[in-house]
Protein backbone atom coordinates (compact mmCIF):
# COMPACT_ATOMS: atom_id res chain seq x y z
CA UNK A 1 -19.58 -18.52 4.00
CA UNK A 2 -17.43 -15.81 2.34
CA UNK A 3 -17.07 -12.59 4.31
CA UNK A 4 -18.63 -9.39 3.02
CA UNK A 5 -15.96 -7.15 1.47
CA UNK A 6 -14.53 -4.47 3.71
CA UNK A 7 -13.29 -2.53 0.69
CA UNK A 8 -14.71 -2.73 -2.81
CA UNK A 9 -14.08 -0.95 -6.10
CA UNK A 10 -16.96 -1.30 -8.56
CA UNK A 11 -16.31 -0.41 -12.20
CA UNK A 12 -13.90 2.41 -11.31
CA UNK A 13 -12.44 4.38 -14.21
CA UNK A 14 -9.90 7.21 -14.09
CA UNK A 15 -8.28 8.96 -17.04
CA UNK A 16 -5.80 11.79 -17.45
CA UNK A 17 -6.32 12.92 -21.01
CA UNK A 18 -5.56 9.88 -23.16
CA UNK A 19 -3.90 8.00 -20.31
CA UNK A 20 -6.17 5.51 -18.53
CA UNK A 21 -4.95 4.55 -15.06
CA UNK A 22 -8.07 2.59 -14.03
CA UNK A 23 -10.23 0.97 -16.68
CA UNK A 24 -13.56 -0.19 -15.25
CA UNK A 25 -11.65 -1.68 -12.32
CA UNK A 26 -13.50 -3.95 -9.89
CA UNK A 27 -11.73 -5.33 -6.83
CA UNK A 28 -12.82 -6.55 -3.38
CA UNK A 29 -10.81 -6.94 -0.16
CA UNK A 30 -12.15 -8.91 2.79
CA UNK A 31 -11.61 -8.12 6.48
CA UNK A 32 -8.39 -9.74 7.78
CA UNK A 33 -7.10 -10.22 4.22
CA UNK A 34 -3.60 -9.27 3.06
CA UNK A 35 -3.73 -8.53 -0.66
CA UNK A 36 -0.58 -8.00 -2.70
CA UNK A 37 -0.60 -5.87 -5.85
CA UNK A 38 2.05 -6.09 -8.57
CA UNK A 39 2.47 -4.84 -12.11
CA UNK A 40 4.92 -2.95 -14.32
CA UNK A 41 5.49 0.79 -14.05
CA UNK A 42 2.51 2.48 -15.67
CA UNK A 43 0.12 -0.31 -14.65
CA UNK A 44 -1.92 2.02 -12.42
CA UNK A 45 -1.06 0.62 -8.98
CA UNK A 46 -0.38 3.85 -7.10
CA UNK A 47 -3.27 5.53 -8.91
CA UNK A 48 -5.56 2.79 -7.56
CA UNK A 49 -4.33 3.65 -4.07
CA UNK A 50 -5.17 7.29 -4.77
CA UNK A 51 -8.69 6.30 -5.82
CA UNK A 52 -9.15 4.22 -2.67
CA UNK A 53 -7.71 6.81 -0.27
CA UNK A 54 -9.40 9.83 -1.85
CA UNK A 55 -6.26 11.48 -3.20
CA UNK A 56 -7.78 11.00 -6.68
CA UNK A 57 -11.43 11.32 -7.71
CA UNK A 58 -12.86 8.59 -9.93
CA UNK A 59 -14.38 9.60 -13.29
CA UNK A 60 -16.96 6.83 -12.92
CA UNK A 61 -17.68 3.82 -10.75
CA UNK A 62 -17.94 3.51 -6.98
CA UNK A 63 -15.65 3.00 -3.99
CA UNK A 64 -17.34 1.19 -1.10
CA UNK A 65 -15.94 0.91 2.41
CA UNK A 66 -17.67 -1.25 5.01
CA UNK A 67 -20.79 -1.16 2.83
CA UNK A 68 -20.80 2.65 2.59
CA UNK A 69 -20.33 4.55 -0.65
CA UNK A 70 -17.31 6.81 -0.04
CA UNK A 71 -16.74 7.77 -3.69
CA UNK A 72 -17.39 11.47 -3.08
CA UNK A 73 -15.59 11.74 0.25
CA UNK A 74 -12.18 13.43 0.39
CA UNK A 75 -9.01 11.83 1.73
CA UNK A 76 -9.35 13.27 5.24
CA UNK A 77 -12.88 11.91 5.65
CA UNK A 78 -11.86 8.49 4.36
CA UNK A 79 -8.91 8.44 6.75
CA UNK A 80 -11.19 9.14 9.70
CA UNK A 81 -13.45 6.28 8.58
CA UNK A 82 -10.50 3.88 8.62
CA UNK A 83 -8.58 4.00 5.32
CA UNK A 84 -4.89 4.61 6.04
CA UNK A 85 -2.00 4.68 3.61
CA UNK A 86 1.73 5.10 3.22
CA UNK A 87 3.55 6.68 0.29
CA UNK A 88 6.45 5.26 -1.69
CA UNK A 89 8.40 8.45 -0.96
CA UNK A 90 7.89 9.15 2.77
CA UNK A 91 6.15 12.44 3.52
CA UNK A 92 6.85 13.35 7.16
CA UNK A 93 6.50 16.81 8.66
CA UNK A 94 10.25 17.33 8.57
CA UNK A 95 10.46 20.16 11.11
CA UNK A 96 8.42 18.23 13.67
CA UNK A 97 9.81 15.47 15.86
CA UNK A 98 9.21 11.80 15.18
CA UNK A 99 6.88 11.71 18.18
CA UNK A 100 4.89 14.69 16.95
CA UNK A 101 4.52 13.16 13.48
CA UNK A 102 2.89 10.03 14.89
CA UNK A 103 0.82 12.01 17.39
CA UNK A 104 -0.76 13.93 14.49
CA UNK A 105 -2.06 10.63 13.13
CA UNK A 106 -3.46 9.61 16.50
CA UNK A 107 -5.14 13.01 16.95
CA UNK A 108 -6.43 13.78 13.48
CA UNK A 109 -6.86 10.30 12.02
CA UNK A 110 -7.90 8.16 14.97
CA UNK A 111 -9.62 11.07 16.76
CA UNK A 112 -7.87 10.36 20.06
CA UNK A 113 -7.15 13.06 22.61
CA UNK A 114 -4.54 13.70 25.27
CA UNK A 115 -3.59 10.56 27.23
CA UNK A 116 -5.11 8.09 24.75
CA UNK A 117 -3.28 9.71 21.82
CA UNK A 118 -0.03 9.85 23.79
CA UNK A 119 -0.24 6.18 24.80
CA UNK A 120 -1.00 5.03 21.25
CA UNK A 121 1.91 7.07 19.91
CA UNK A 122 4.35 5.55 22.42
CA UNK A 123 3.06 2.05 21.65
CA UNK A 124 3.49 2.44 17.88
CA UNK A 125 6.94 4.02 18.20
CA UNK A 126 7.97 1.07 20.37
CA UNK A 127 6.63 -1.47 17.87
CA UNK A 128 8.37 0.23 14.93
CA UNK A 129 11.69 0.56 16.81
CA UNK A 130 11.49 4.35 16.64
CA UNK A 131 11.08 5.20 20.31
CA UNK A 132 14.82 6.06 20.73
CA UNK A 133 14.37 8.58 17.90
CA UNK A 134 11.18 10.11 19.32
CA UNK A 135 12.66 13.58 19.91
CA UNK A 136 14.62 13.82 16.65
CA UNK A 137 13.35 16.05 13.84
CA UNK A 138 11.84 13.80 11.18
CA UNK A 139 13.91 15.53 8.51
CA UNK A 140 17.11 14.15 10.05
CA UNK A 141 16.14 10.47 9.65
CA UNK A 142 17.75 8.05 7.21
CA UNK A 143 15.69 6.16 4.63
CA UNK A 144 14.94 3.05 6.72
CA UNK A 145 13.86 5.18 9.67
CA UNK A 146 11.72 7.35 7.37
CA UNK A 147 10.05 4.20 6.03
CA UNK A 148 9.35 3.09 9.60
CA UNK A 149 7.97 6.51 10.44
CA UNK A 150 5.72 6.43 7.37
CA UNK A 151 4.33 3.10 8.57
CA UNK A 152 3.97 4.40 12.14
CA UNK A 153 2.06 7.49 11.01
CA UNK A 154 -0.38 5.37 9.03
CA UNK A 155 -0.91 2.93 11.89
CA UNK A 156 -1.56 5.81 14.29
CA UNK A 157 -4.78 6.59 12.41
CA UNK A 158 -6.06 3.15 13.51
CA UNK A 159 -6.96 2.04 10.01
CA UNK A 160 -9.27 -0.83 9.13
CA UNK A 161 -7.67 -0.94 5.68
CA UNK A 162 -3.95 -0.17 5.42
CA UNK A 163 -2.52 0.67 1.98
CA UNK A 164 1.24 0.05 1.77
CA UNK A 165 2.93 1.61 -1.27
CA UNK A 166 6.35 0.02 -1.89
CA UNK A 167 7.60 0.19 1.68
CA UNK A 168 10.70 -1.79 0.64
CA UNK A 169 11.69 0.51 -2.23
CA UNK A 170 15.26 1.78 -2.01
CA UNK A 171 16.28 -0.41 0.93
CA UNK A 172 19.07 -2.97 1.14
CA UNK A 173 18.17 -6.66 1.55
CA UNK A 174 18.82 -6.64 5.34
CA UNK A 175 16.73 -3.46 5.69
CA UNK A 176 13.93 -5.02 3.64
CA UNK A 177 13.87 -8.01 5.99
CA UNK A 178 13.76 -5.76 9.05
CA UNK A 179 10.88 -3.70 7.70
CA UNK A 180 8.92 -6.72 6.46
CA UNK A 181 9.16 -8.30 9.91
CA UNK A 182 7.77 -5.12 11.48
CA UNK A 183 4.93 -4.95 8.96
CA UNK A 184 4.01 -8.61 9.47
CA UNK A 185 4.05 -8.35 13.25
CA UNK A 186 2.01 -5.16 13.42
CA UNK A 187 -0.47 -6.26 10.76
CA UNK A 188 -1.06 -9.58 12.52
CA UNK A 189 -1.74 -7.87 15.81
CA UNK A 190 -4.12 -5.38 14.19
CA UNK A 191 -5.96 -8.19 12.40
CA UNK A 192 -6.50 -9.94 15.72
CA UNK A 193 -7.67 -6.73 17.40
CA UNK A 194 -9.96 -5.22 14.76
CA UNK A 195 -9.84 -7.22 11.54
CA UNK A 196 -7.30 -5.08 9.68
CA UNK A 197 -7.07 -5.63 5.92
CA UNK A 198 -3.80 -4.80 4.14
CA UNK A 199 -3.33 -3.95 0.46
CA UNK A 200 0.35 -3.94 -0.43
CA UNK A 201 2.06 -2.71 -3.62
CA UNK A 202 5.58 -3.99 -4.01
CA UNK A 203 8.16 -4.55 -6.77
CA UNK A 204 10.29 -6.69 -4.45
CA UNK A 205 8.08 -9.70 -5.13
CA UNK A 206 10.31 -12.14 -3.26
CA UNK A 207 9.45 -10.18 -0.10
CA UNK A 208 5.77 -9.77 -0.94
CA UNK A 209 4.66 -13.21 -2.20
CA UNK A 210 5.25 -15.21 1.02
CA UNK A 211 3.48 -12.54 3.07
CA UNK A 212 0.14 -12.09 1.29
CA UNK A 213 -3.00 -14.24 1.16
CA UNK A 214 -3.82 -13.24 -2.39
CA UNK A 215 -2.06 -11.49 -5.26
CA UNK A 216 -3.39 -9.36 -8.11
CA UNK A 217 -1.46 -8.15 -11.13
CA UNK A 218 -2.45 -4.92 -12.89
CA UNK A 219 -1.61 -3.84 -16.39
CA UNK A 220 -2.87 -0.65 -18.07
CA UNK A 221 -5.39 -0.04 -15.29
CA UNK A 222 -6.96 -3.52 -15.44
CA UNK A 223 -6.59 -6.71 -13.40
CA UNK A 224 -4.96 -9.40 -15.56
CA UNK A 225 -4.50 -12.02 -12.82
CA UNK A 226 -6.02 -12.52 -9.37
CA UNK A 227 -5.61 -15.41 -6.93
CA UNK A 228 -3.07 -17.54 -5.12
CA UNK A 229 0.39 -15.87 -5.27
CA UNK A 230 2.12 -18.91 -6.80
CA UNK A 231 -0.54 -19.21 -9.48
CA UNK A 232 -0.48 -15.51 -10.33
CA UNK A 233 3.32 -15.45 -10.64
CA UNK A 234 3.12 -18.46 -12.97
CA UNK A 235 0.44 -16.89 -15.17
CA UNK A 236 1.64 -16.37 -18.79
CA UNK A 237 0.09 -12.89 -18.90
CA UNK A 238 2.02 -11.84 -15.80
CA UNK A 239 5.25 -13.15 -17.30
CA UNK A 240 4.55 -11.27 -20.51
CA UNK A 241 4.19 -7.85 -18.88
CA UNK A 242 7.49 -8.36 -17.03
CA UNK A 243 9.54 -9.64 -19.97
CA UNK A 244 12.87 -7.87 -20.25
CA UNK A 245 13.63 -7.27 -16.58
CA UNK A 246 12.07 -10.14 -14.63
CA UNK A 247 14.08 -13.19 -13.62
CA UNK A 248 12.20 -16.41 -14.33
CA UNK A 249 13.30 -19.33 -12.19
CA UNK A 250 11.90 -22.25 -10.30
CA UNK A 251 10.65 -21.12 -6.90
CA UNK A 252 11.44 -23.29 -3.92
CA UNK A 253 7.82 -24.19 -3.20
CA UNK A 254 6.11 -22.95 -6.32
CA UNK A 255 5.73 -23.82 -9.95
CA UNK A 256 8.52 -23.73 -12.50
CA UNK A 257 8.75 -20.53 -14.44
CA UNK A 258 7.50 -18.12 -11.80
CA UNK A 259 8.41 -14.47 -11.67
CA UNK A 260 10.54 -14.68 -8.53
CA UNK A 261 12.70 -11.56 -8.45
CA UNK A 262 11.13 -8.34 -9.68
CA UNK A 263 13.22 -5.71 -7.94
CA UNK A 264 12.55 -3.36 -10.82
CA UNK A 265 9.96 -3.54 -13.54
CA UNK A 266 9.67 -2.35 -17.12
CA UNK A 267 8.74 1.25 -17.63
CA UNK A 268 6.58 2.17 -20.57
CA UNK A 269 7.30 5.88 -20.31
CA UNK A 270 10.37 8.06 -20.03
CA UNK A 271 9.37 8.98 -16.49
CA UNK A 272 6.44 9.22 -14.08
CA UNK A 273 3.36 11.00 -15.36
CA UNK A 274 2.06 13.95 -13.40
CA UNK A 275 -1.47 15.27 -13.32
CA UNK A 276 -2.22 19.02 -13.54
CA UNK A 277 -2.55 19.05 -9.75
CA UNK A 278 0.95 17.62 -9.32
CA UNK A 279 -0.14 14.09 -8.43
CA UNK A 280 1.95 11.32 -9.98
CA UNK A 281 -0.24 8.94 -11.95
CA UNK A 282 -0.02 5.77 -13.91
CA UNK A 283 2.13 3.91 -11.36
């Protein structure tokens, strides 16, 4: 019997003037599931994360979490319920230490106090290979370490759904492999402990496809393909939206003609769109 969705978007629409970033979007994520999300720049991927996390308010439709309607809850309330996220550009408290950054998540997100918060922080820093950097100011970290810290801060909130927004962006191939290994190990442990679901946006599809249970492709705020990763990457509509920058080749275990190397993707605008509040949209 199929599991009841842990996270569900029902007919969600979001517009900024004439720009539609979610167009009657419906999507469900089951407990324990790892869902990958791909699509060209402007497809609405990061905006969907904003609608799930509460950073953006939907114009219409509903966001359900564990059967509860959270559409009108703000980001802080959703975080405390169990929706955690990272950002493509890491956002640490730069004047605070690495340890303090993660401790904030354990305190404010997970609601832990004193010893429990301290122990969780140490555990996560160990798992993300950041414990040697615990007393360094976050602002002094390099990109790979900032990416690890972004992941650690999200995990410290003890999420039931973890939203990963291009954690591999800007990294070298060896750094991508290191970070992916950390993500896989931590996500697997969290799934075993409390049924963590992961939704992962990534342009580095060669890193994403082998990791996820299911893949969706967005274009113009709508789902154009949803299913097995090999099948989605072989879908003619997915190929069409990536024409111009995708490399089409035969995958080792997949079908001929898959999109196998989307390190970058076509942009339909001169640059990222920004809402009046300063939030980047349409990604």
